[in-house]
Amino acid sequence: MIDIQAIKQRYGIIGHSSAIDRAINIAIQVAATDLTVLITGESGVGKEHFPRIIHDNSAERKFKTYTAINCGAIPE
C-alpha cells in the first residue's frame, strides 16, 4: 500500500483532494513500468513533482541522472 501522506511530505505536495491522491497513485504505478511519460498541465500546478516521484520510485530510473526540461522554454 502506498503511503500518500509520506509522498506528499517528501515532495512538498500540499493539498487534500481525491484528484491529487489519484495522480500520485498513477505516478507510482507508472514508476513500475518502462514507459515514456509526458506530464502536461497549466503553469504553476506542480507538474515538476510528478516526474520526480516516477523517477525516484522506479527500479531502473532511480539509478540514472534525472534531468528536468521545461518544454515551454524551448524556442520553435
N, C-alpha and C. Protein backbone atom coordinates (compact mmCIF):
# COMPACT_ATOMS: atom_id res chain seq x y z
N MET A 1 0.84 -1.19 0.00
CA MET A 1 0.00 0.00 0.00
C MET A 1 0.88 1.25 0.00
N ILE A 2 0.52 2.19 -0.78
CA ILE A 2 1.27 3.43 -0.91
C ILE A 2 0.85 4.40 0.20
N ASP A 3 1.83 4.98 0.88
CA ASP A 3 1.53 5.98 1.89
C ASP A 3 1.51 7.35 1.21
N ILE A 4 0.33 7.78 0.80
CA ILE A 4 0.16 9.04 0.07
C ILE A 4 0.70 10.22 0.88
N GLN A 5 0.42 10.23 2.17
CA GLN A 5 0.88 11.35 3.01
C GLN A 5 2.40 11.43 3.05
N ALA A 6 3.08 10.29 3.10
CA ALA A 6 4.54 10.28 3.12
C ALA A 6 5.09 10.84 1.81
N ILE A 7 4.47 10.49 0.71
CA ILE A 7 4.91 11.01 -0.59
C ILE A 7 4.67 12.51 -0.67
N LYS A 8 3.52 12.96 -0.20
CA LYS A 8 3.23 14.40 -0.20
C LYS A 8 4.27 15.16 0.61
N GLN A 9 4.63 14.64 1.77
CA GLN A 9 5.63 15.30 2.60
C GLN A 9 7.00 15.29 1.93
N ARG A 10 7.39 14.17 1.38
CA ARG A 10 8.72 14.05 0.76
C ARG A 10 8.90 15.02 -0.40
N TYR A 11 7.84 15.22 -1.19
CA TYR A 11 7.94 16.04 -2.39
C TYR A 11 7.32 17.42 -2.23
N GLY A 12 6.89 17.77 -1.03
CA GLY A 12 6.36 19.11 -0.79
C GLY A 12 5.02 19.37 -1.44
N ILE A 13 4.21 18.34 -1.58
CA ILE A 13 2.89 18.48 -2.19
C ILE A 13 1.89 18.83 -1.09
N ILE A 14 1.19 19.94 -1.28
CA ILE A 14 0.23 20.41 -0.28
C ILE A 14 -1.17 20.31 -0.88
N GLY A 15 -2.08 19.78 -0.12
CA GLY A 15 -3.46 19.71 -0.60
C GLY A 15 -4.09 18.38 -0.27
N HIS A 16 -5.39 18.40 -0.17
CA HIS A 16 -6.16 17.20 0.13
C HIS A 16 -7.30 17.11 -0.86
N SER A 17 -7.16 16.25 -1.83
CA SER A 17 -8.25 16.02 -2.77
C SER A 17 -8.09 14.63 -3.37
N SER A 18 -9.19 14.08 -3.82
CA SER A 18 -9.11 12.75 -4.45
C SER A 18 -8.33 12.83 -5.76
N ALA A 19 -8.35 13.97 -6.44
CA ALA A 19 -7.63 14.12 -7.71
C ALA A 19 -6.12 14.06 -7.50
N ILE A 20 -5.61 14.75 -6.49
CA ILE A 20 -4.17 14.74 -6.23
C ILE A 20 -3.73 13.35 -5.76
N ASP A 21 -4.54 12.72 -4.93
CA ASP A 21 -4.22 11.37 -4.46
C ASP A 21 -4.20 10.39 -5.64
N ARG A 22 -5.14 10.54 -6.55
CA ARG A 22 -5.19 9.68 -7.73
C ARG A 22 -3.96 9.91 -8.61
N ALA A 23 -3.55 11.17 -8.79
CA ALA A 23 -2.38 11.48 -9.60
C ALA A 23 -1.12 10.86 -8.99
N ILE A 24 -1.00 10.90 -7.68
CA ILE A 24 0.15 10.28 -7.01
C ILE A 24 0.12 8.77 -7.21
N ASN A 25 -1.04 8.16 -7.07
CA ASN A 25 -1.18 6.71 -7.30
C ASN A 25 -0.77 6.33 -8.71
N ILE A 26 -1.19 7.12 -9.68
CA ILE A 26 -0.83 6.85 -11.07
C ILE A 26 0.68 6.99 -11.27
N ALA A 27 1.28 8.02 -10.67
CA ALA A 27 2.73 8.20 -10.78
C ALA A 27 3.48 6.99 -10.23
N ILE A 28 3.02 6.46 -9.12
CA ILE A 28 3.65 5.28 -8.53
C ILE A 28 3.48 4.06 -9.43
N GLN A 29 2.30 3.91 -10.03
CA GLN A 29 2.06 2.79 -10.94
C GLN A 29 2.95 2.90 -12.17
N VAL A 30 3.08 4.09 -12.71
CA VAL A 30 3.92 4.30 -13.90
C VAL A 30 5.39 4.05 -13.58
N ALA A 31 5.79 4.36 -12.35
CA ALA A 31 7.18 4.17 -11.95
C ALA A 31 7.61 2.71 -12.09
N ALA A 32 6.68 1.80 -11.96
CA ALA A 32 6.99 0.37 -12.06
C ALA A 32 7.13 -0.11 -13.50
N THR A 33 6.90 0.77 -14.47
CA THR A 33 6.98 0.40 -15.88
C THR A 33 8.19 1.05 -16.54
N ASP A 34 8.40 0.71 -17.80
CA ASP A 34 9.47 1.32 -18.58
C ASP A 34 8.88 2.26 -19.63
N LEU A 35 7.73 2.82 -19.35
CA LEU A 35 7.04 3.70 -20.29
C LEU A 35 7.65 5.11 -20.29
N THR A 36 7.58 5.76 -21.44
CA THR A 36 7.92 7.17 -21.53
C THR A 36 6.70 7.95 -21.07
N VAL A 37 6.91 9.00 -20.28
CA VAL A 37 5.80 9.74 -19.68
C VAL A 37 5.91 11.21 -20.05
N LEU A 38 4.81 11.82 -20.45
CA LEU A 38 4.72 13.25 -20.71
C LEU A 38 3.74 13.84 -19.70
N ILE A 39 4.23 14.78 -18.91
CA ILE A 39 3.40 15.44 -17.91
C ILE A 39 2.97 16.80 -18.47
N THR A 40 1.67 17.06 -18.52
CA THR A 40 1.18 18.33 -19.04
C THR A 40 0.25 18.98 -18.02
N GLY A 41 0.05 20.27 -18.15
CA GLY A 41 -0.87 20.97 -17.27
C GLY A 41 -0.58 22.45 -17.25
N GLU A 42 -1.44 23.19 -16.61
CA GLU A 42 -1.30 24.64 -16.52
C GLU A 42 -0.05 25.01 -15.74
N SER A 43 0.45 26.19 -16.02
CA SER A 43 1.61 26.70 -15.30
C SER A 43 1.29 26.88 -13.82
N GLY A 44 2.22 26.43 -12.96
CA GLY A 44 2.06 26.63 -11.53
C GLY A 44 1.29 25.56 -10.78
N VAL A 45 0.92 24.46 -11.44
CA VAL A 45 0.12 23.44 -10.75
C VAL A 45 0.97 22.37 -10.07
N GLY A 46 2.28 22.42 -10.24
CA GLY A 46 3.15 21.46 -9.56
C GLY A 46 3.55 20.26 -10.39
N LYS A 47 3.54 20.42 -11.70
CA LYS A 47 3.90 19.32 -12.58
C LYS A 47 5.29 18.77 -12.31
N GLU A 48 6.18 19.59 -11.80
CA GLU A 48 7.56 19.17 -11.60
C GLU A 48 7.70 18.09 -10.53
N HIS A 49 6.72 17.92 -9.68
CA HIS A 49 6.80 16.90 -8.63
C HIS A 49 6.59 15.49 -9.17
N PHE A 50 5.74 15.34 -10.15
CA PHE A 50 5.36 14.01 -10.60
C PHE A 50 6.44 13.26 -11.36
N PRO A 51 7.19 13.90 -12.24
CA PRO A 51 8.29 13.16 -12.85
C PRO A 51 9.33 12.73 -11.81
N ARG A 52 9.50 13.54 -10.80
CA ARG A 52 10.46 13.19 -9.73
C ARG A 52 9.95 11.99 -8.94
N ILE A 53 8.66 11.93 -8.66
CA ILE A 53 8.07 10.77 -7.98
C ILE A 53 8.28 9.52 -8.83
N ILE A 54 8.01 9.64 -10.12
CA ILE A 54 8.19 8.50 -11.03
C ILE A 54 9.65 8.06 -11.05
N HIS A 55 10.56 9.01 -11.22
CA HIS A 55 11.99 8.70 -11.29
C HIS A 55 12.47 8.04 -10.00
N ASP A 56 12.18 8.63 -8.87
CA ASP A 56 12.68 8.13 -7.59
C ASP A 56 12.10 6.79 -7.17
N ASN A 57 10.91 6.45 -7.67
CA ASN A 57 10.26 5.19 -7.29
C ASN A 57 10.38 4.11 -8.35
N SER A 58 11.18 4.34 -9.36
CA SER A 58 11.39 3.37 -10.43
C SER A 58 12.58 2.47 -10.10
N ALA A 59 12.46 1.21 -10.45
CA ALA A 59 13.53 0.26 -10.18
C ALA A 59 14.81 0.59 -10.96
N GLU A 60 14.66 1.08 -12.19
CA GLU A 60 15.84 1.36 -13.01
C GLU A 60 16.15 2.84 -13.14
N ARG A 61 15.12 3.67 -13.29
CA ARG A 61 15.35 5.11 -13.49
C ARG A 61 16.09 5.76 -12.32
N LYS A 62 15.83 5.32 -11.11
CA LYS A 62 16.40 5.99 -9.94
C LYS A 62 17.92 5.93 -9.89
N PHE A 63 18.53 5.04 -10.65
CA PHE A 63 19.98 4.94 -10.69
C PHE A 63 20.60 5.79 -11.79
N LYS A 64 19.75 6.43 -12.59
CA LYS A 64 20.22 7.29 -13.68
C LYS A 64 20.01 8.75 -13.31
N THR A 65 20.65 9.62 -14.03
CA THR A 65 20.53 11.05 -13.79
C THR A 65 19.14 11.53 -14.16
N TYR A 66 18.56 12.35 -13.29
CA TYR A 66 17.26 12.97 -13.56
C TYR A 66 17.51 14.35 -14.14
N THR A 67 16.91 14.62 -15.29
CA THR A 67 17.03 15.92 -15.93
C THR A 67 15.65 16.45 -16.25
N ALA A 68 15.31 17.59 -15.68
CA ALA A 68 14.02 18.22 -15.95
C ALA A 68 14.19 19.17 -17.14
N ILE A 69 13.24 19.14 -18.05
CA ILE A 69 13.27 20.02 -19.21
C ILE A 69 11.97 20.78 -19.29
N ASN A 70 12.06 22.10 -19.33
CA ASN A 70 10.88 22.95 -19.49
C ASN A 70 10.65 23.13 -20.99
N CYS A 71 9.75 22.35 -21.55
CA CYS A 71 9.49 22.38 -22.99
C CYS A 71 8.98 23.75 -23.44
N GLY A 72 8.32 24.48 -22.56
CA GLY A 72 7.81 25.80 -22.89
C GLY A 72 8.92 26.81 -23.11
N ALA A 73 10.11 26.52 -22.61
CA ALA A 73 11.24 27.44 -22.76
C ALA A 73 12.07 27.16 -24.01
N ILE A 74 11.71 26.11 -24.75
CA ILE A 74 12.44 25.75 -25.96
C ILE A 74 11.84 26.50 -27.14
N PRO A 75 12.64 27.31 -27.85
CA PRO A 75 12.10 28.04 -28.99
C PRO A 75 11.75 27.09 -30.15
N GLU A 76 10.80 27.52 -30.97
CA GLU A 76 10.40 26.68 -32.11
C GLU A 76 11.57 26.50 -33.03
